[in-house]
PDB file of N, CA and C in Angstrom:
ATOM      1  N   MET A   1      69.569 -50.009 103.108  1.00  0.00           N
ATOM      2  CA  MET A   1      69.545 -49.331 105.171  1.00  0.00           C
ATOM      3  C   MET A   1      71.218 -50.317 105.976  1.00  0.00           C
ATOM      4  N   ASN A   2      71.008 -49.137 105.947  1.00  0.00           N
ATOM      5  CA  ASN A   2      72.693 -49.023 107.022  1.00  0.00           C
ATOM      6  C   ASN A   2      72.026 -49.427 108.136  1.00  0.00           C
ATOM      7  N   THR A   3      72.051 -50.382 108.833  1.00  0.00           N
ATOM      8  CA  THR A   3      71.857 -49.863 110.392  1.00  0.00           C
ATOM      9  C   THR A   3      73.657 -49.741 111.209  1.00  0.00           C
ATOM     10  N   LEU A   4      74.435 -49.185 110.472  1.00  0.00           N
ATOM     11  CA  LEU A   4      75.651 -49.075 111.319  1.00  0.00           C
ATOM     12  C   LEU A   4      75.630 -47.463 111.319  1.00  0.00           C
ATOM     13  N   THR A   5      75.193 -47.074 110.679  1.00  0.00           N
ATOM     14  CA  THR A   5      75.384 -45.226 110.586  1.00  0.00           C
ATOM     15  C   THR A   5      73.903 -44.395 110.481  1.00  0.00           C
ATOM     16  N   GLU A   6      73.998 -43.074 111.047  1.00  0.00           N
ATOM     17  CA  GLU A   6      72.513 -42.621 111.174  1.00  0.00           C
ATOM     18  C   GLU A   6      72.268 -41.854 109.761  1.00  0.00           C
ATOM     19  N   PRO A   7      71.009 -41.776 109.493  1.00  0.00           N
ATOM     20  CA  PRO A   7      70.501 -41.411 107.601  1.00  0.00           C
ATOM     21  C   PRO A   7      71.761 -39.503 108.367  1.00  0.00           C
ATOM     22  N   GLU A   8      71.968 -39.552 106.561  1.00  0.00           N
ATOM     23  CA  GLU A   8      72.145 -38.322 106.708  1.00  0.00           C
ATOM     24  C   GLU A   8      71.325 -37.921 106.076  1.00  0.00           C
ATOM     25  N   THR A   9      70.501 -39.076 104.838  1.00  0.00           N
ATOM     26  CA  THR A   9      69.839 -37.435 104.432  1.00  0.00           C
ATOM     27  C   THR A   9      68.381 -38.024 105.010  1.00  0.00           C
ATOM     28  N   LEU A  10      67.527 -36.471 104.152  1.00  0.00           N
ATOM     29  CA  LEU A  10      65.580 -36.716 104.482  1.00  0.00           C
ATOM     30  C   LEU A  10      65.441 -38.082 103.846  1.00  0.00           C
ATOM     31  N   ALA A  11      65.669 -38.099 102.086  1.00  0.00           N
ATOM     32  CA  ALA A  11      65.530 -39.274 101.180  1.00  0.00           C
ATOM     33  C   ALA A  11      66.452 -40.591 101.794  1.00  0.00           C
ATOM     34  N   GLU A  12      67.542 -40.965 102.943  1.00  0.00           N
ATOM     35  CA  GLU A  12      67.935 -41.935 103.030  1.00  0.00           C
ATOM     36  C   GLU A  12      67.171 -43.140 104.796  1.00  0.00           C
ATOM     37  N   LEU A  13      65.913 -41.260 105.366  1.00  0.00           N
ATOM     38  CA  LEU A  13      65.555 -41.993 105.917  1.00  0.00           C
ATOM     39  C   LEU A  13      64.365 -42.545 105.439  1.00  0.00           C
ATOM     40  N   ILE A  14      63.991 -42.109 104.707  1.00  0.00           N
ATOM     41  CA  ILE A  14      62.603 -42.396 104.064  1.00  0.00           C
ATOM     42  C   ILE A  14      62.532 -43.916 103.230  1.00  0.00           C
ATOM     43  N   SER A  15      64.032 -44.163 103.234  1.00  0.00           N
ATOM     44  CA  SER A  15      64.140 -45.251 102.092  1.00  0.00           C
ATOM     45  C   SER A  15      64.694 -46.627 103.639  1.00  0.00           C
ATOM     46  N   ASP A  16      64.913 -45.886 105.062  1.00  0.00           N
ATOM     47  CA  ASP A  16      65.606 -46.990 106.011  1.00  0.00           C
ATOM     48  C   ASP A  16      63.723 -46.972 106.505  1.00  0.00           C
ATOM     49  N   CYS A  17      63.396 -46.021 106.632  1.00  0.00           N
ATOM     50  CA  CYS A  17      61.647 -46.485 106.729  1.00  0.00           C
ATOM     51  C   CYS A  17      60.918 -46.972 106.483  1.00  0.00           C
ATOM     52  N   ALA A  18      61.084 -46.993 104.808  1.00  0.00           N
ATOM     53  CA  ALA A  18      60.718 -48.164 103.951  1.00  0.00           C
ATOM     54  C   ALA A  18      61.044 -49.247 104.130  1.00  0.00           C
ATOM     55  N   SER A  19      61.495 -50.032 104.096  1.00  0.00           N
ATOM     56  CA  SER A  19      62.389 -51.061 104.170  1.00  0.00           C
ATOM     57  C   SER A  19      62.246 -52.279 105.773  1.00  0.00           C
ATOM     58  N   ILE A  20      61.713 -50.832 106.852  1.00  0.00           N
ATOM     59  CA  ILE A  20      61.198 -51.979 107.867  1.00  0.00           C
ATOM     60  C   ILE A  20      59.554 -52.976 108.055  1.00  0.00           C
ATOM     61  N   PRO A  21      60.163 -54.697 106.950  1.00  0.00           N
ATOM     62  CA  PRO A  21      58.597 -55.350 107.504  1.00  0.00           C
ATOM     63  C   PRO A  21      57.847 -54.715 108.067  1.00  0.00           C
ATOM     64  N   ALA A  22      56.297 -54.820 106.864  1.00  0.00           N
ATOM     65  CA  ALA A  22      54.938 -54.178 107.937  1.00  0.00           C
ATOM     66  C   ALA A  22      54.776 -55.217 109.090  1.00  0.00           C
ATOM     67  N   ASP A  23      55.323 -56.568 109.176  1.00  0.00           N
ATOM     68  CA  ASP A  23      55.016 -56.832 110.253  1.00  0.00           C
ATOM     69  C   ASP A  23      55.306 -56.154 111.442  1.00  0.00           C
ATOM     70  N   LEU A  24      56.327 -55.145 111.757  1.00  0.00           N
ATOM     71  CA  LEU A  24      56.388 -54.270 112.606  1.00  0.00           C
ATOM     72  C   LEU A  24      56.158 -53.416 112.809  1.00  0.00           C
ATOM     73  N   ARG A  25      55.333 -52.145 111.097  1.00  0.00           N
ATOM     74  CA  ARG A  25      55.253 -52.042 111.436  1.00  0.00           C
ATOM     75  C   ARG A  25      53.588 -51.388 111.720  1.00  0.00           C
ATOM     76  N   GLU A  26      52.476 -52.343 112.040  1.00  0.00           N
ATOM     77  CA  GLU A  26      51.226 -52.859 112.364  1.00  0.00           C
ATOM     78  C   GLU A  26      51.174 -52.883 113.603  1.00  0.00           C
ATOM     79  N   GLN A  27      52.466 -53.423 114.348  1.00  0.00           N
ATOM     80  CA  GLN A  27      51.974 -53.720 115.924  1.00  0.00           C
ATOM     81  C   GLN A  27      52.283 -52.416 116.503  1.00  0.00           C
ATOM     82  N   ARG A  28      50.938 -51.444 116.660  1.00  0.00           N
ATOM     83  CA  ARG A  28      50.459 -50.635 117.612  1.00  0.00           C
ATOM     84  C   ARG A  28      49.624 -50.857 118.202  1.00  0.00           C
ATOM     85  N   PRO A  29      50.126 -50.268 119.810  1.00  0.00           N
ATOM     86  CA  PRO A  29      49.017 -50.429 121.116  1.00  0.00           C
ATOM     87  C   PRO A  29      47.906 -49.803 120.613  1.00  0.00           C
ATOM     88  N   SER A  30      46.584 -50.177 120.418  1.00  0.00           N
ATOM     89  CA  SER A  30      45.964 -49.924 120.329  1.00  0.00           C
ATOM     90  C   SER A  30      45.249 -48.382 121.822  1.00  0.00           C
ATOM     91  N   THR A  31      45.467 -47.590 121.192  1.00  0.00           N
ATOM     92  CA  THR A  31      45.530 -46.201 122.562  1.00  0.00           C
ATOM     93  C   THR A  31      43.565 -45.870 122.662  1.00  0.00           C
ATOM     94  N   PRO A  32      43.145 -46.197 123.878  1.00  0.00           N
ATOM     95  CA  PRO A  32      41.502 -45.635 124.182  1.00  0.00           C
ATOM     96  C   PRO A  32      41.246 -44.658 123.568  1.00  0.00           C
ATOM     97  N   THR A  33      39.675 -44.935 123.623  1.00  0.00           N
ATOM     98  CA  THR A  33      39.628 -43.512 122.535  1.00  0.00           C
ATOM     99  C   THR A  33      39.189 -42.311 124.880  1.00  0.00           C
ATOM    100  N   PRO A  34      39.155 -41.762 124.482  1.00  0.00           N
ATOM    101  CA  PRO A  34      38.793 -40.806 126.134  1.00  0.00           C
ATOM    102  C   PRO A  34      37.484 -40.089 125.739  1.00  0.00           C
ATOM    103  N   PRO A  35      37.475 -40.768 127.005  1.00  0.00           N
ATOM    104  CA  PRO A  35      35.291 -40.364 127.329  1.00  0.00           C
ATOM    105  C   PRO A  35      35.089 -39.088 127.350  1.00  0.00           C
ATOM    106  N   ALA A  36      33.656 -38.841 126.526  1.00  0.00           N
ATOM    107  CA  ALA A  36      33.235 -37.452 125.913  1.00  0.00           C
ATOM    108  C   ALA A  36      32.956 -36.167 126.742  1.00  0.00           C
ATOM    109  N   PRO A  37      33.884 -35.083 126.879  1.00  0.00           N
ATOM    110  CA  PRO A  37      33.188 -34.419 127.766  1.00  0.00           C
ATOM    111  C   PRO A  37      32.008 -33.996 128.458  1.00  0.00           C
ATOM    112  N   ARG A  38      32.244 -33.960 129.608  1.00  0.00           N
ATOM    113  CA  ARG A  38      30.610 -33.207 130.683  1.00  0.00           C
ATOM    114  C   ARG A  38      30.616 -31.941 129.369  1.00  0.00           C
ATOM    115  N   PRO A  39      29.310 -31.548 129.499  1.00  0.00           N
ATOM    116  CA  PRO A  39      28.612 -29.478 129.282  1.00  0.00           C
ATOM    117  C   PRO A  39      29.050 -29.521 130.812  1.00  0.00           C
ATOM    118  N   TRP A  40      29.354 -28.545 130.286  1.00  0.00           N
ATOM    119  CA  TRP A  40      29.492 -27.283 131.425  1.00  0.00           C
ATOM    120  C   TRP A  40      28.837 -26.044 132.165  1.00  0.00           C
ATOM    121  N   THR A  41      27.989 -26.285 132.977  1.00  0.00           N
ATOM    122  CA  THR A  41      27.008 -26.018 133.825  1.00  0.00           C
ATOM    123  C   THR A  41      27.568 -25.097 134.869  1.00  0.00           C
ATOM    124  N   VAL A  42      26.390 -23.712 134.725  1.00  0.00           N
ATOM    125  CA  VAL A  42      27.110 -22.628 135.810  1.00  0.00           C
ATOM    126  C   VAL A  42      25.912 -23.065 137.232  1.00  0.00           C
ATOM    127  N   ASP A  43      26.639 -23.531 138.020  1.00  0.00           N
ATOM    128  CA  ASP A  43      25.658 -24.352 138.730  1.00  0.00           C
ATOM    129  C   ASP A  43      25.635 -22.776 140.434  1.00  0.00           C
ATOM    130  N   GLU A  44      24.870 -22.200 141.066  1.00  0.00           N
ATOM    131  CA  GLU A  44      24.973 -21.733 142.222  1.00  0.00           C
ATOM    132  C   GLU A  44      25.897 -20.830 143.011  1.00  0.00           C
ATOM    133  N   THR A  45      27.302 -21.886 143.050  1.00  0.00           N
ATOM    134  CA  THR A  45      28.312 -22.054 143.368  1.00  0.00           C
ATOM    135  C   THR A  45      29.028 -20.259 142.294  1.00  0.00           C
ATOM    136  N   CYS A  46      28.897 -21.285 141.101  1.00  0.00           N
ATOM    137  CA  CYS A  46      29.691 -21.032 140.697  1.00  0.00           C
ATOM    138  C   CYS A  46      29.377 -20.072 140.327  1.00  0.00           C
ATOM    139  N   HIS A  47      27.573 -18.918 140.301  1.00  0.00           N
ATOM    140  CA  HIS A  47      27.353 -17.294 140.261  1.00  0.00           C
ATOM    141  C   HIS A  47      27.334 -17.648 140.930  1.00  0.00           C
ATOM    142  N   SER A  48      27.814 -16.870 142.064  1.00  0.00           N
ATOM    143  CA  SER A  48      27.760 -16.472 143.530  1.00  0.00           C
ATOM    144  C   SER A  48      29.184 -16.689 143.225  1.00  0.00           C
ATOM    145  N   GLN A  49      30.260 -16.575 143.021  1.00  0.00           N
ATOM    146  CA  GLN A  49      32.075 -16.459 142.951  1.00  0.00           C
ATOM    147  C   GLN A  49      31.596 -14.751 141.544  1.00  0.00           C
ATOM    148  N   VAL A  50      30.497 -14.660 141.119  1.00  0.00           N
ATOM    149  CA  VAL A  50      30.769 -13.619 139.836  1.00  0.00           C
ATOM    150  C   VAL A  50      30.246 -12.677 139.435  1.00  0.00           C
ATOM    151  N   GLU A  51      29.016 -13.241 140.793  1.00  0.00           N
ATOM    152  CA  GLU A  51      28.083 -12.229 140.983  1.00  0.00           C
ATOM    153  C   GLU A  51      29.106 -10.894 141.830  1.00  0.00           C
ATOM    154  N   GLY A  52      28.196 -10.069 141.481  1.00  0.00           N
ATOM    155  CA  GLY A  52      28.928  -8.122 141.702  1.00  0.00           C
ATOM    156  C   GLY A  52      30.313  -7.826 140.712  1.00  0.00           C
ATOM    157  N   LEU A  53      30.943  -9.163 140.215  1.00  0.00           N
ATOM    158  CA  LEU A  53      32.046  -8.684 139.641  1.00  0.00           C
ATOM    159  C   LEU A  53      32.627  -7.718 138.742  1.00  0.00           C
ATOM    160  N   GLY A  54      30.818  -6.785 137.941  1.00  0.00           N
ATOM    161  CA  GLY A  54      31.186  -6.219 136.815  1.00  0.00           C
ATOM    162  C   GLY A  54      31.108  -4.700 137.475  1.00  0.00           C
ATOM    163  N   GLU A  55      30.733  -4.445 138.860  1.00  0.00           N
ATOM    164  CA  GLU A  55      30.607  -3.319 139.752  1.00  0.00           C
ATOM    165  C   GLU A  55      32.493  -2.952 139.846  1.00  0.00           C
ATOM    166  N   TYR A  56      32.682  -3.738 140.742  1.00  0.00           N
ATOM    167  CA  TYR A  56      34.162  -4.476 140.692  1.00  0.00           C
ATOM    168  C   TYR A  56      35.378  -4.132 140.378  1.00  0.00           C
ATOM    169  N   VAL A  57      35.083  -4.725 138.474  1.00  0.00           N
ATOM    170  CA  VAL A  57      36.371  -4.193 137.730  1.00  0.00           C
ATOM    171  C   VAL A  57      35.877  -2.896 136.926  1.00  0.00           C
TER     172      VAL A  57
END
């Protein structure tokens, strides 16, 4: 691994990455799990916005 120059080939990059100590590679912050999406429902307000649109189009 040469820290003074950028890798010029994919093989050099892979070699450089493989030489990173394991304890540095394992320090990933835990990502929070996003909440499950709420189910979509049509209420009266939503329905009234498109009511009669079929005749318009």
